[in-house]
Amino acid sequence: HVDRASRRADATPIEWRRAYGRADRFRY
């Protein structure tokens, strides 16, 4: 799970998303 908060320059939220990726391709 990758939860992403995307914001403007003044920190106002534009978008919130959750991505689900195959664990066999996950890397850190």
PDB file of all heavy atoms in Angstrom:
ATOM      1  N   HIS A   1       0.861  -1.183   0.000  1.00  0.00           N
ATOM      2  CA  HIS A   1       0.000   0.000   0.000  1.00  0.00           C
ATOM      3  C   HIS A   1       0.894   1.229   0.000  1.00  0.00           C
ATOM      4  O   HIS A   1       1.779   1.358   0.854  1.00  0.00           O
ATOM      5  CB  HIS A   1      -0.851   0.073   1.269  1.00  0.00           C
ATOM      6  CG  HIS A   1      -1.936  -0.946   1.336  1.00  0.00           C
ATOM      7  ND1 HIS A   1      -2.780  -1.052   2.420  1.00  0.00           N
ATOM      8  CD2 HIS A   1      -2.326  -1.892   0.464  1.00  0.00           C
ATOM      9  CE1 HIS A   1      -3.637  -2.034   2.218  1.00  0.00           C
ATOM     10  NE2 HIS A   1      -3.375  -2.570   1.037  1.00  0.00           N
ATOM     11  N   VAL A   2       0.661   2.134  -0.932  1.00  0.00           N
ATOM     12  CA  VAL A   2       1.341   3.423  -0.905  1.00  0.00           C
ATOM     13  C   VAL A   2       0.267   4.499  -0.798  1.00  0.00           C
ATOM     14  O   VAL A   2      -0.507   4.707  -1.732  1.00  0.00           O
ATOM     15  CB  VAL A   2       2.203   3.672  -2.161  1.00  0.00           C
ATOM     16  CG1 VAL A   2       2.926   5.011  -2.046  1.00  0.00           C
ATOM     17  CG2 VAL A   2       3.209   2.545  -2.353  1.00  0.00           C
ATOM     18  N   ASP A   3       0.172   5.143   0.364  1.00  0.00           N
ATOM     19  CA  ASP A   3      -0.758   6.256   0.564  1.00  0.00           C
ATOM     20  C   ASP A   3      -0.021   7.545   0.246  1.00  0.00           C
ATOM     21  O   ASP A   3       1.047   7.810   0.813  1.00  0.00           O
ATOM     22  CB  ASP A   3      -1.272   6.292   2.004  1.00  0.00           C
ATOM     23  CG  ASP A   3      -2.177   5.116   2.335  1.00  0.00           C
ATOM     24  OD1 ASP A   3      -2.586   4.398   1.392  1.00  0.00           O
ATOM     25  OD2 ASP A   3      -2.464   4.909   3.521  1.00  0.00           O
ATOM     26  N   ARG A   4      -0.577   8.338  -0.661  1.00  0.00           N
ATOM     27  CA  ARG A   4       0.096   9.563  -1.093  1.00  0.00           C
ATOM     28  C   ARG A   4      -0.796  10.778  -0.885  1.00  0.00           C
ATOM     29  O   ARG A   4      -1.954  10.795  -1.313  1.00  0.00           O
ATOM     30  CB  ARG A   4       0.486   9.469  -2.561  1.00  0.00           C
ATOM     31  CG  ARG A   4       0.883  10.811  -3.170  1.00  0.00           C
ATOM     32  CD  ARG A   4       1.569  10.688  -4.507  1.00  0.00           C
ATOM     33  NE  ARG A   4       2.919  10.176  -4.342  1.00  0.00           N
ATOM     34  CZ  ARG A   4       3.830  10.182  -5.322  1.00  0.00           C
ATOM     35  NH1 ARG A   4       3.513  10.648  -6.519  1.00  0.00           N
ATOM     36  NH2 ARG A   4       5.035   9.725  -5.111  1.00  0.00           N
ATOM     37  N   ALA A   5      -0.248  11.800  -0.237  1.00  0.00           N
ATOM     38  CA  ALA A   5      -0.904  13.096  -0.100  1.00  0.00           C
ATOM     39  C   ALA A   5      -0.179  14.084  -1.001  1.00  0.00           C
ATOM     40  O   ALA A   5       1.033  14.259  -0.890  1.00  0.00           O
ATOM     41  CB  ALA A   5      -0.850  13.571   1.348  1.00  0.00           C
ATOM     42  N   SER A   6      -0.907  14.703  -1.922  1.00  0.00           N
ATOM     43  CA  SER A   6      -0.340  15.676  -2.866  1.00  0.00           C
ATOM     44  C   SER A   6      -0.856  17.061  -2.489  1.00  0.00           C
ATOM     45  O   SER A   6      -2.057  17.247  -2.300  1.00  0.00           O
ATOM     46  CB  SER A   6      -0.750  15.339  -4.299  1.00  0.00           C
ATOM     47  OG  SER A   6      -0.379  14.015  -4.627  1.00  0.00           O
ATOM     48  N   ARG A   7       0.052  18.042  -2.423  1.00  0.00           N
ATOM     49  CA  ARG A   7      -0.319  19.358  -1.905  1.00  0.00           C
ATOM     50  C   ARG A   7       0.178  20.486  -2.789  1.00  0.00           C
ATOM     51  O   ARG A   7       1.141  20.335  -3.537  1.00  0.00           O
ATOM     52  CB  ARG A   7       0.256  19.534  -0.485  1.00  0.00           C
ATOM     53  CG  ARG A   7      -0.280  18.514   0.506  1.00  0.00           C
ATOM     54  CD  ARG A   7       0.352  18.673   1.875  1.00  0.00           C
ATOM     55  NE  ARG A   7      -0.158  17.698   2.821  1.00  0.00           N
ATOM     56  CZ  ARG A   7      -1.268  17.860   3.525  1.00  0.00           C
ATOM     57  NH1 ARG A   7      -1.978  18.958   3.404  1.00  0.00           N
ATOM     58  NH2 ARG A   7      -1.670  16.921   4.352  1.00  0.00           N
ATOM     59  N   ARG A   8      -0.518  21.621  -2.661  1.00  0.00           N
ATOM     60  CA  ARG A   8      -0.102  22.850  -3.333  1.00  0.00           C
ATOM     61  C   ARG A   8       1.063  23.475  -2.572  1.00  0.00           C
ATOM     62  O   ARG A   8       1.456  22.995  -1.520  1.00  0.00           O
ATOM     63  CB  ARG A   8      -1.272  23.836  -3.388  1.00  0.00           C
ATOM     64  CG  ARG A   8      -2.537  23.317  -4.012  1.00  0.00           C
ATOM     65  CD  ARG A   8      -3.718  24.214  -3.701  1.00  0.00           C
ATOM     66  NE  ARG A   8      -3.731  25.430  -4.497  1.00  0.00           N
ATOM     67  CZ  ARG A   8      -4.230  26.583  -4.086  1.00  0.00           C
ATOM     68  NH1 ARG A   8      -4.709  26.705  -2.859  1.00  0.00           N
ATOM     69  NH2 ARG A   8      -4.249  27.631  -4.873  1.00  0.00           N
ATOM     70  N   ALA A   9       1.581  24.571  -3.101  1.00  0.00           N
ATOM     71  CA  ALA A   9       2.693  25.253  -2.449  1.00  0.00           C
ATOM     72  C   ALA A   9       2.307  25.778  -1.069  1.00  0.00           C
ATOM     73  O   ALA A   9       3.162  25.904  -0.184  1.00  0.00           O
ATOM     74  CB  ALA A   9       3.184  26.395  -3.326  1.00  0.00           C
ATOM     75  N   ASP A  10       1.026  26.092  -0.856  1.00  0.00           N
ATOM     76  CA  ASP A  10       0.585  26.590   0.448  1.00  0.00           C
ATOM     77  C   ASP A  10       0.117  25.466   1.365  1.00  0.00           C
ATOM     78  O   ASP A  10      -0.518  25.709   2.378  1.00  0.00           O
ATOM     79  CB  ASP A  10      -0.519  27.638   0.282  1.00  0.00           C
ATOM     80  CG  ASP A  10      -1.775  27.073  -0.389  1.00  0.00           C
ATOM     81  OD1 ASP A  10      -1.780  25.868  -0.750  1.00  0.00           O
ATOM     82  OD2 ASP A  10      -2.743  27.830  -0.577  1.00  0.00           O
ATOM     83  N   ALA A  11       0.438  24.216   0.985  1.00  0.00           N
ATOM     84  CA  ALA A  11       0.136  23.004   1.766  1.00  0.00           C
ATOM     85  C   ALA A  11      -1.323  22.581   1.707  1.00  0.00           C
ATOM     86  O   ALA A  11      -1.729  21.641   2.390  1.00  0.00           O
ATOM     87  CB  ALA A  11       0.586  23.145   3.220  1.00  0.00           C
ATOM     88  N   THR A  12      -2.145  23.247   0.887  1.00  0.00           N
ATOM     89  CA  THR A  12      -3.536  22.815   0.714  1.00  0.00           C
ATOM     90  C   THR A  12      -3.577  21.490  -0.035  1.00  0.00           C
ATOM     91  O   THR A  12      -2.931  21.351  -1.076  1.00  0.00           O
ATOM     92  CB  THR A  12      -4.332  23.863  -0.089  1.00  0.00           C
ATOM     93  OG1 THR A  12      -4.243  25.122   0.555  1.00  0.00           O
ATOM     94  CG2 THR A  12      -5.795  23.446  -0.224  1.00  0.00           C
ATOM     95  N   PRO A  13      -4.329  20.491   0.451  1.00  0.00           N
ATOM     96  CA  PRO A  13      -4.393  19.204  -0.245  1.00  0.00           C
ATOM     97  C   PRO A  13      -5.047  19.335  -1.626  1.00  0.00           C
ATOM     98  O   PRO A  13      -6.041  20.046  -1.781  1.00  0.00           O
ATOM     99  CB  PRO A  13      -5.247  18.333   0.681  1.00  0.00           C
ATOM    100  CG  PRO A  13      -5.160  18.990   2.020  1.00  0.00           C
ATOM    101  CD  PRO A  13      -5.048  20.455   1.737  1.00  0.00           C
ATOM    102  N   ILE A  14      -4.481  18.669  -2.603  1.00  0.00           N
ATOM    103  CA  ILE A  14      -5.064  18.587  -3.944  1.00  0.00           C
ATOM    104  C   ILE A  14      -5.680  17.214  -4.165  1.00  0.00           C
ATOM    105  O   ILE A  14      -6.784  17.086  -4.688  1.00  0.00           O
ATOM    106  CB  ILE A  14      -3.997  18.850  -5.025  1.00  0.00           C
ATOM    107  CG1 ILE A  14      -3.488  20.286  -4.944  1.00  0.00           C
ATOM    108  CG2 ILE A  14      -4.547  18.553  -6.427  1.00  0.00           C
ATOM    109  CD1 ILE A  14      -2.339  20.577  -5.898  1.00  0.00           C
ATOM    110  N   GLU A  15      -4.953  16.187  -3.738  1.00  0.00           N
ATOM    111  CA  GLU A  15      -5.376  14.810  -4.014  1.00  0.00           C
ATOM    112  C   GLU A  15      -4.869  13.911  -2.904  1.00  0.00           C
ATOM    113  O   GLU A  15      -3.804  14.148  -2.340  1.00  0.00           O
ATOM    114  CB  GLU A  15      -4.789  14.371  -5.362  1.00  0.00           C
ATOM    115  CG  GLU A  15      -4.974  12.899  -5.685  1.00  0.00           C
ATOM    116  CD  GLU A  15      -3.735  12.300  -6.329  1.00  0.00           C
ATOM    117  OE1 GLU A  15      -2.740  12.020  -5.603  1.00  0.00           O
ATOM    118  OE2 GLU A  15      -3.733  12.129  -7.555  1.00  0.00           O
ATOM    119  N   TRP A  16      -5.654  12.876  -2.573  1.00  0.00           N
ATOM    120  CA  TRP A  16      -5.183  11.810  -1.697  1.00  0.00           C
ATOM    121  C   TRP A  16      -5.434  10.500  -2.425  1.00  0.00           C
ATOM    122  O   TRP A  16      -6.516  10.297  -2.985  1.00  0.00           O
ATOM    123  CB  TRP A  16      -5.913  11.816  -0.352  1.00  0.00           C
ATOM    124  CG  TRP A  16      -5.285  10.877   0.648  1.00  0.00           C
ATOM    125  CD1 TRP A  16      -4.263  11.165   1.503  1.00  0.00           C
ATOM    126  CD2 TRP A  16      -5.608   9.501   0.858  1.00  0.00           C
ATOM    127  NE1 TRP A  16      -3.943  10.062   2.239  1.00  0.00           N
ATOM    128  CE2 TRP A  16      -4.741   9.015   1.867  1.00  0.00           C
ATOM    129  CE3 TRP A  16      -6.531   8.620   0.289  1.00  0.00           C
ATOM    130  CZ2 TRP A  16      -4.788   7.693   2.323  1.00  0.00           C
ATOM    131  CZ3 TRP A  16      -6.579   7.304   0.735  1.00  0.00           C
ATOM    132  CH2 TRP A  16      -5.722   6.862   1.759  1.00  0.00           C
ATOM    133  N   ARG A  17      -4.424   9.660  -2.463  1.00  0.00           N
ATOM    134  CA  ARG A  17      -4.600   8.401  -3.193  1.00  0.00           C
ATOM    135  C   ARG A  17      -4.036   7.230  -2.399  1.00  0.00           C
ATOM    136  O   ARG A  17      -3.165   7.385  -1.550  1.00  0.00           O
ATOM    137  CB  ARG A  17      -3.946   8.465  -4.567  1.00  0.00           C
ATOM    138  CG  ARG A  17      -2.449   8.299  -4.584  1.00  0.00           C
ATOM    139  CD  ARG A  17      -1.885   8.191  -5.993  1.00  0.00           C
ATOM    140  NE  ARG A  17      -1.808   9.473  -6.675  1.00  0.00           N
ATOM    141  CZ  ARG A  17      -1.315   9.624  -7.901  1.00  0.00           C
ATOM    142  NH1 ARG A  17      -0.878   8.588  -8.569  1.00  0.00           N
ATOM    143  NH2 ARG A  17      -1.253  10.815  -8.454  1.00  0.00           N
ATOM    144  N   ARG A  18      -4.537   6.061  -2.715  1.00  0.00           N
ATOM    145  CA  ARG A  18      -3.966   4.814  -2.205  1.00  0.00           C
ATOM    146  C   ARG A  18      -3.675   3.920  -3.399  1.00  0.00           C
ATOM    147  O   ARG A  18      -4.562   3.661  -4.220  1.00  0.00           O
ATOM    148  CB  ARG A  18      -4.898   4.112  -1.227  1.00  0.00           C
ATOM    149  CG  ARG A  18      -4.411   2.715  -0.808  1.00  0.00           C
ATOM    150  CD  ARG A  18      -5.155   2.200   0.416  1.00  0.00           C
ATOM    151  NE  ARG A  18      -4.748   2.941   1.616  1.00  0.00           N
ATOM    152  CZ  ARG A  18      -5.369   2.843   2.793  1.00  0.00           C
ATOM    153  NH1 ARG A  18      -6.443   2.080   2.922  1.00  0.00           N
ATOM    154  NH2 ARG A  18      -4.936   3.533   3.830  1.00  0.00           N
ATOM    155  N   ALA A  19      -2.423   3.479  -3.509  1.00  0.00           N
ATOM    156  CA  ALA A  19      -2.014   2.585  -4.589  1.00  0.00           C
ATOM    157  C   ALA A  19      -1.765   1.203  -4.008  1.00  0.00           C
ATOM    158  O   ALA A  19      -1.197   1.059  -2.919  1.00  0.00           O
ATOM    159  CB  ALA A  19      -0.755   3.117  -5.261  1.00  0.00           C
ATOM    160  N   TYR A  20      -2.213   0.188  -4.742  1.00  0.00           N
ATOM    161  CA  TYR A  20      -1.995  -1.205  -4.354  1.00  0.00           C
ATOM    162  C   TYR A  20      -1.082  -1.829  -5.414  1.00  0.00           C
ATOM    163  O   TYR A  20      -1.456  -1.930  -6.580  1.00  0.00           O
ATOM    164  CB  TYR A  20      -3.305  -1.988  -4.312  1.00  0.00           C
ATOM    165  CG  TYR A  20      -4.377  -1.376  -3.432  1.00  0.00           C
ATOM    166  CD1 TYR A  20      -5.239  -0.407  -3.938  1.00  0.00           C
ATOM    167  CD2 TYR A  20      -4.537  -1.784  -2.110  1.00  0.00           C
ATOM    168  CE1 TYR A  20      -6.236   0.152  -3.147  1.00  0.00           C
ATOM    169  CE2 TYR A  20      -5.532  -1.232  -1.309  1.00  0.00           C
ATOM    170  CZ  TYR A  20      -6.376  -0.263  -1.839  1.00  0.00           C
ATOM    171  OH  TYR A  20      -7.356   0.281  -1.053  1.00  0.00           O
ATOM    172  N   GLY A  21       0.116  -2.237  -5.003  1.00  0.00           N
ATOM    173  CA  GLY A  21       1.059  -2.827  -5.941  1.00  0.00           C
ATOM    174  C   GLY A  21       1.402  -4.252  -5.560  1.00  0.00           C
ATOM    175  O   GLY A  21       1.378  -4.619  -4.369  1.00  0.00           O
ATOM    176  N   ARG A  22       1.727  -5.036  -6.548  1.00  0.00           N
ATOM    177  CA  ARG A  22       2.089  -6.425  -6.291  1.00  0.00           C
ATOM    178  C   ARG A  22       3.311  -6.489  -5.383  1.00  0.00           C
ATOM    179  O   ARG A  22       4.334  -5.868  -5.638  1.00  0.00           O
ATOM    180  CB  ARG A  22       2.374  -7.131  -7.616  1.00  0.00           C
ATOM    181  CG  ARG A  22       1.122  -7.474  -8.372  1.00  0.00           C
ATOM    182  CD  ARG A  22       1.407  -8.090  -9.719  1.00  0.00           C
ATOM    183  NE  ARG A  22       2.543  -9.024  -9.706  1.00  0.00           N
ATOM    184  CZ  ARG A  22       2.863  -9.788 -10.740  1.00  0.00           C
ATOM    185  NH1 ARG A  22       2.139  -9.725 -11.851  1.00  0.00           N
ATOM    186  NH2 ARG A  22       3.896 -10.604 -10.683  1.00  0.00           N
ATOM    187  N   ALA A  23       3.189  -7.274  -4.298  1.00  0.00           N
ATOM    188  CA  ALA A  23       4.264  -7.347  -3.319  1.00  0.00           C
ATOM    189  C   ALA A  23       5.518  -7.984  -3.890  1.00  0.00           C
ATOM    190  O   ALA A  23       6.632  -7.706  -3.427  1.00  0.00           O
ATOM    191  CB  ALA A  23       3.798  -8.122  -2.084  1.00  0.00           C
ATOM    192  N   ASP A  24       5.365  -8.845  -4.909  1.00  0.00           N
ATOM    193  CA  ASP A  24       6.551  -9.479  -5.479  1.00  0.00           C
ATOM    194  C   ASP A  24       7.387  -8.492  -6.290  1.00  0.00           C
ATOM    195  O   ASP A  24       8.507  -8.795  -6.687  1.00  0.00           O
ATOM    196  CB  ASP A  24       6.175 -10.688  -6.350  1.00  0.00           C
ATOM    197  CG  ASP A  24       5.290 -10.336  -7.530  1.00  0.00           C
ATOM    198  OD1 ASP A  24       4.622  -9.284  -7.486  1.00  0.00           O
ATOM    199  OD2 ASP A  24       5.267 -11.108  -8.505  1.00  0.00           O
ATOM    200  N   ARG A  25       6.843  -7.284  -6.538  1.00  0.00           N
ATOM    201  CA  ARG A  25       7.600  -6.249  -7.227  1.00  0.00           C
ATOM    202  C   ARG A  25       7.989  -5.099  -6.294  1.00  0.00           C
ATOM    203  O   ARG A  25       8.581  -4.129  -6.735  1.00  0.00           O
ATOM    204  CB  ARG A  25       6.770  -5.679  -8.390  1.00  0.00           C
ATOM    205  CG  ARG A  25       6.454  -6.688  -9.483  1.00  0.00           C
ATOM    206  CD  ARG A  25       7.706  -7.201 -10.160  1.00  0.00           C
ATOM    207  NE  ARG A  25       7.389  -8.006 -11.319  1.00  0.00           N
ATOM    208  CZ  ARG A  25       7.466  -7.579 -12.573  1.00  0.00           C
ATOM    209  NH1 ARG A  25       7.857  -6.353 -12.817  1.00  0.00           N
ATOM    210  NH2 ARG A  25       7.152  -8.381 -13.569  1.00  0.00           N
ATOM    211  N   PHE A  26       7.618  -5.202  -5.010  1.00  0.00           N
ATOM    212  CA  PHE A  26       7.914  -4.125  -4.074  1.00  0.00           C
ATOM    213  C   PHE A  26       9.401  -4.086  -3.748  1.00  0.00           C
ATOM    214  O   PHE A  26      10.058  -5.125  -3.649  1.00  0.00           O
ATOM    215  CB  PHE A  26       7.124  -4.317  -2.789  1.00  0.00           C
ATOM    216  CG  PHE A  26       7.408  -3.295  -1.721  1.00  0.00           C
ATOM    217  CD1 PHE A  26       6.917  -2.003  -1.846  1.00  0.00           C
ATOM    218  CD2 PHE A  26       8.180  -3.611  -0.610  1.00  0.00           C
ATOM    219  CE1 PHE A  26       7.173  -1.048  -0.867  1.00  0.00           C
ATOM    220  CE2 PHE A  26       8.447  -2.663   0.359  1.00  0.00           C
ATOM    221  CZ  PHE A  26       7.939  -1.380   0.227  1.00  0.00           C
ATOM    222  N   ARG A  27       9.938  -2.883  -3.572  1.00  0.00           N
ATOM    223  CA  ARG A  27      11.325  -2.732  -3.168  1.00  0.00           C
ATOM    224  C   ARG A  27      11.446  -1.501  -2.277  1.00  0.00           C
ATOM    225  O   ARG A  27      10.673  -0.556  -2.385  1.00  0.00           O
ATOM    226  CB  ARG A  27      12.249  -2.586  -4.378  1.00  0.00           C
ATOM    227  CG  ARG A  27      12.049  -1.288  -5.138  1.00  0.00           C
ATOM    228  CD  ARG A  27      13.001  -1.190  -6.315  1.00  0.00           C
ATOM    229  NE  ARG A  27      12.841   0.074  -7.007  1.00  0.00           N
ATOM    230  CZ  ARG A  27      13.475   0.385  -8.124  1.00  0.00           C
ATOM    231  NH1 ARG A  27      14.320  -0.472  -8.665  1.00  0.00           N
ATOM    232  NH2 ARG A  27      13.292   1.555  -8.704  1.00  0.00           N
ATOM    233  N   TYR A  28      12.430  -1.545  -1.388  1.00  0.00           N
ATOM    234  CA  TYR A  28      12.705  -0.388  -0.533  1.00  0.00           C
ATOM    235  C   TYR A  28      14.214  -0.301  -0.367  1.00  0.00           C
ATOM    236  O   TYR A  28      14.873  -1.269   0.002  1.00  0.00           O
ATOM    237  CB  TYR A  28      12.049  -0.543   0.835  1.00  0.00           C
ATOM    238  CG  TYR A  28      12.404   0.550   1.811  1.00  0.00           C
ATOM    239  CD1 TYR A  28      11.871   1.834   1.652  1.00  0.00           C
ATOM    240  CD2 TYR A  28      13.279   0.324   2.865  1.00  0.00           C
ATOM    241  CE1 TYR A  28      12.210   2.857   2.522  1.00  0.00           C
ATOM    242  CE2 TYR A  28      13.606   1.349   3.743  1.00  0.00           C
ATOM    243  CZ  TYR A  28      13.074   2.613   3.566  1.00  0.00           C
ATOM    244  OH  TYR A  28      13.408   3.620   4.433  1.00  0.00           O
TER     245      TYR A  28
END
